[in-house]
N, C-alpha and C. Protein backbone atom coordinates (compact mmCIF):
# COMPACT_ATOMS: atom_id res chain seq x y z
N MET A 1 11.57 5.31 -27.00
CA MET A 1 10.25 4.80 -26.70
C MET A 1 10.27 4.19 -25.30
N GLU A 2 9.11 4.14 -24.69
CA GLU A 2 9.01 3.60 -23.34
C GLU A 2 8.33 2.24 -23.38
N VAL A 3 8.93 1.27 -22.67
CA VAL A 3 8.34 -0.06 -22.52
C VAL A 3 8.29 -0.40 -21.03
N ALA A 4 7.30 -1.19 -20.67
CA ALA A 4 7.16 -1.65 -19.29
C ALA A 4 7.92 -2.97 -19.14
N VAL A 5 8.56 -3.14 -17.99
CA VAL A 5 9.35 -4.34 -17.72
C VAL A 5 8.94 -4.90 -16.37
N LYS A 6 8.79 -6.22 -16.32
CA LYS A 6 8.55 -6.92 -15.05
C LYS A 6 9.61 -8.00 -14.93
N LEU A 7 10.35 -7.96 -13.82
CA LEU A 7 11.40 -8.95 -13.55
C LEU A 7 10.98 -9.81 -12.37
N PHE A 8 11.10 -11.12 -12.52
CA PHE A 8 10.72 -12.04 -11.46
C PHE A 8 11.89 -12.93 -11.07
N ASN A 9 11.79 -13.47 -9.85
CA ASN A 9 12.78 -14.41 -9.31
C ASN A 9 14.16 -13.76 -9.26
N GLN A 10 15.19 -14.51 -9.61
CA GLN A 10 16.57 -14.00 -9.51
C GLN A 10 16.83 -12.84 -10.46
N LEU A 11 16.01 -12.68 -11.48
CA LEU A 11 16.24 -11.60 -12.44
C LEU A 11 15.98 -10.22 -11.85
N ARG A 12 15.33 -10.15 -10.70
CA ARG A 12 15.12 -8.86 -10.04
C ARG A 12 16.43 -8.16 -9.72
N THR A 13 17.49 -8.92 -9.56
CA THR A 13 18.78 -8.32 -9.22
C THR A 13 19.31 -7.44 -10.36
N TYR A 14 18.74 -7.55 -11.55
CA TYR A 14 19.18 -6.74 -12.69
C TYR A 14 18.34 -5.47 -12.87
N SER A 15 17.41 -5.24 -11.97
CA SER A 15 16.59 -4.03 -12.04
C SER A 15 17.46 -2.81 -11.75
N PRO A 16 17.25 -1.73 -12.47
CA PRO A 16 18.06 -0.52 -12.23
C PRO A 16 17.95 0.01 -10.81
N ASP A 17 16.80 -0.18 -10.16
CA ASP A 17 16.64 0.35 -8.80
C ASP A 17 15.98 -0.66 -7.86
N ARG A 18 16.15 -1.94 -8.16
CA ARG A 18 15.67 -3.06 -7.34
C ARG A 18 14.15 -3.19 -7.31
N ARG A 19 13.45 -2.46 -8.17
CA ARG A 19 12.00 -2.66 -8.29
C ARG A 19 11.77 -3.76 -9.31
N PHE A 20 10.71 -4.54 -9.15
CA PHE A 20 10.49 -5.60 -10.13
C PHE A 20 9.58 -5.16 -11.26
N VAL A 21 8.92 -4.02 -11.12
CA VAL A 21 8.10 -3.45 -12.19
C VAL A 21 8.58 -2.02 -12.43
N PHE A 22 8.93 -1.71 -13.67
CA PHE A 22 9.41 -0.38 -13.99
C PHE A 22 9.27 -0.12 -15.49
N SER A 23 9.46 1.11 -15.88
CA SER A 23 9.48 1.49 -17.30
C SER A 23 10.90 1.86 -17.66
N ILE A 24 11.23 1.66 -18.93
CA ILE A 24 12.56 1.98 -19.40
C ILE A 24 12.46 2.61 -20.79
N GLN A 25 13.34 3.55 -21.05
CA GLN A 25 13.40 4.21 -22.36
C GLN A 25 14.41 3.49 -23.24
N LEU A 26 14.00 3.14 -24.44
CA LEU A 26 14.87 2.49 -25.42
C LEU A 26 14.70 3.20 -26.76
N PRO A 27 15.69 3.13 -27.63
CA PRO A 27 15.53 3.75 -28.95
C PRO A 27 14.50 3.00 -29.79
N ARG A 28 13.82 3.70 -30.66
CA ARG A 28 12.88 3.05 -31.59
C ARG A 28 13.60 1.97 -32.37
N GLY A 29 12.92 0.86 -32.60
CA GLY A 29 13.53 -0.26 -33.32
C GLY A 29 14.32 -1.20 -32.45
N ALA A 30 14.31 -0.96 -31.13
CA ALA A 30 15.06 -1.83 -30.21
C ALA A 30 14.40 -3.20 -30.13
N SER A 31 15.22 -4.19 -29.85
CA SER A 31 14.74 -5.57 -29.69
C SER A 31 14.79 -5.95 -28.21
N VAL A 32 14.24 -7.11 -27.91
CA VAL A 32 14.32 -7.64 -26.54
C VAL A 32 15.79 -7.85 -26.18
N GLY A 33 16.60 -8.27 -27.14
CA GLY A 33 18.04 -8.42 -26.89
C GLY A 33 18.68 -7.11 -26.48
N ASP A 34 18.25 -6.00 -27.10
CA ASP A 34 18.76 -4.68 -26.70
C ASP A 34 18.36 -4.35 -25.27
N LEU A 35 17.14 -4.72 -24.89
CA LEU A 35 16.69 -4.51 -23.51
C LEU A 35 17.55 -5.31 -22.54
N LEU A 36 17.81 -6.57 -22.86
CA LEU A 36 18.65 -7.41 -22.00
C LEU A 36 20.04 -6.80 -21.84
N GLU A 37 20.56 -6.28 -22.92
CA GLU A 37 21.88 -5.63 -22.87
C GLU A 37 21.83 -4.38 -22.00
N GLU A 38 20.79 -3.59 -22.15
CA GLU A 38 20.63 -2.37 -21.35
C GLU A 38 20.56 -2.70 -19.85
N LEU A 39 19.94 -3.82 -19.52
CA LEU A 39 19.82 -4.24 -18.12
C LEU A 39 21.03 -5.04 -17.63
N ASP A 40 22.00 -5.25 -18.51
CA ASP A 40 23.22 -6.02 -18.18
C ASP A 40 22.91 -7.45 -17.74
N ILE A 41 21.94 -8.08 -18.39
CA ILE A 41 21.61 -9.47 -18.10
C ILE A 41 22.44 -10.35 -19.03
N PRO A 42 23.40 -11.10 -18.50
CA PRO A 42 24.26 -11.93 -19.34
C PRO A 42 23.48 -13.01 -20.10
N SER A 43 23.98 -13.38 -21.25
CA SER A 43 23.32 -14.41 -22.05
C SER A 43 23.36 -15.77 -21.36
N THR A 44 24.22 -15.93 -20.38
CA THR A 44 24.34 -17.20 -19.66
C THR A 44 23.26 -17.39 -18.59
N VAL A 45 22.50 -16.33 -18.29
CA VAL A 45 21.45 -16.40 -17.28
C VAL A 45 20.19 -16.99 -17.92
N ALA A 46 19.72 -18.12 -17.38
CA ALA A 46 18.51 -18.76 -17.91
C ALA A 46 17.31 -17.87 -17.66
N ARG A 47 16.42 -17.78 -18.65
CA ARG A 47 15.26 -16.92 -18.51
C ARG A 47 14.17 -17.33 -19.51
N SER A 48 12.95 -17.03 -19.12
CA SER A 48 11.80 -17.12 -20.01
C SER A 48 11.37 -15.69 -20.28
N MET A 49 10.92 -15.44 -21.50
CA MET A 49 10.57 -14.07 -21.88
C MET A 49 9.19 -14.03 -22.51
N LEU A 50 8.42 -13.04 -22.09
CA LEU A 50 7.10 -12.80 -22.67
C LEU A 50 7.03 -11.36 -23.15
N LEU A 51 6.41 -11.18 -24.29
CA LEU A 51 6.14 -9.84 -24.82
C LEU A 51 4.64 -9.72 -25.00
N ASN A 52 4.03 -8.87 -24.20
CA ASN A 52 2.57 -8.71 -24.24
C ASN A 52 1.86 -10.05 -24.09
N GLY A 53 2.40 -10.91 -23.20
CA GLY A 53 1.78 -12.17 -22.87
C GLY A 53 2.13 -13.34 -23.79
N ARG A 54 3.01 -13.12 -24.77
CA ARG A 54 3.40 -14.19 -25.69
C ARG A 54 4.88 -14.49 -25.55
N ARG A 55 5.21 -15.79 -25.59
CA ARG A 55 6.63 -16.19 -25.51
C ARG A 55 7.37 -15.67 -26.73
N ILE A 56 8.56 -15.16 -26.49
CA ILE A 56 9.36 -14.59 -27.58
C ILE A 56 10.83 -14.95 -27.37
N ASP A 57 11.65 -14.56 -28.33
CA ASP A 57 13.09 -14.70 -28.17
C ASP A 57 13.70 -13.30 -28.23
N GLU A 58 15.01 -13.24 -28.14
CA GLU A 58 15.71 -11.96 -28.07
C GLU A 58 15.59 -11.12 -29.34
N LYS A 59 15.22 -11.73 -30.45
CA LYS A 59 15.12 -11.00 -31.72
C LYS A 59 13.83 -10.20 -31.86
N ALA A 60 12.86 -10.45 -30.98
CA ALA A 60 11.57 -9.76 -31.07
C ALA A 60 11.76 -8.26 -30.95
N LEU A 61 11.12 -7.53 -31.86
CA LEU A 61 11.21 -6.07 -31.84
C LEU A 61 10.16 -5.50 -30.89
N LEU A 62 10.54 -4.41 -30.24
CA LEU A 62 9.67 -3.75 -29.28
C LEU A 62 8.99 -2.54 -29.90
N SER A 63 7.81 -2.23 -29.39
CA SER A 63 7.05 -1.04 -29.80
C SER A 63 6.72 -0.25 -28.55
N PRO A 64 6.47 1.05 -28.70
CA PRO A 64 6.09 1.86 -27.53
C PRO A 64 4.89 1.25 -26.81
N GLY A 65 4.98 1.20 -25.49
CA GLY A 65 3.90 0.68 -24.67
C GLY A 65 3.90 -0.82 -24.47
N ASP A 66 4.84 -1.54 -25.07
CA ASP A 66 4.92 -2.98 -24.88
C ASP A 66 5.24 -3.31 -23.43
N GLU A 67 4.88 -4.54 -23.03
CA GLU A 67 5.22 -5.06 -21.71
C GLU A 67 6.07 -6.31 -21.88
N VAL A 68 7.25 -6.27 -21.29
CA VAL A 68 8.18 -7.40 -21.33
C VAL A 68 8.26 -8.01 -19.94
N VAL A 69 8.05 -9.32 -19.86
CA VAL A 69 8.17 -10.04 -18.59
C VAL A 69 9.35 -10.99 -18.72
N LEU A 70 10.27 -10.91 -17.76
CA LEU A 70 11.45 -11.78 -17.73
C LEU A 70 11.42 -12.54 -16.42
N MET A 71 11.56 -13.87 -16.51
CA MET A 71 11.54 -14.69 -15.30
C MET A 71 12.46 -15.88 -15.44
N SER A 72 12.90 -16.37 -14.33
CA SER A 72 13.70 -17.58 -14.32
C SER A 72 12.80 -18.76 -14.64
N PRO A 73 13.31 -19.75 -15.38
CA PRO A 73 12.49 -20.95 -15.63
C PRO A 73 12.13 -21.63 -14.32
N ILE A 74 10.94 -22.19 -14.27
CA ILE A 74 10.47 -22.86 -13.06
C ILE A 74 10.70 -24.35 -13.24
N GLU A 75 11.30 -24.96 -12.22
CA GLU A 75 11.54 -26.40 -12.23
C GLU A 75 10.84 -27.01 -11.04
N GLY A 76 10.53 -28.24 -11.16
CA GLY A 76 9.89 -28.91 -10.02
C GLY A 76 9.63 -30.37 -10.36
N GLY A 77 9.07 -31.03 -9.44
CA GLY A 77 8.79 -32.42 -9.74
C GLY A 77 8.17 -33.12 -8.56
């Protein structure tokens, strides 16, 4: 199945071809954790994750046409 991915901030370095917006093919039944593994994003890298505009965790299952947004947490003060 194909899902859309958007990578922001430091997470862009994990893009397969350095683009921050791309599509990726994953097997049916894949989770966000499977996507992170496919992109070689270590579990130690801090990130916020959205699936179709909603905050999720790595256990969230993906469906064809979903959009996953991965970004570094924003800090400030």
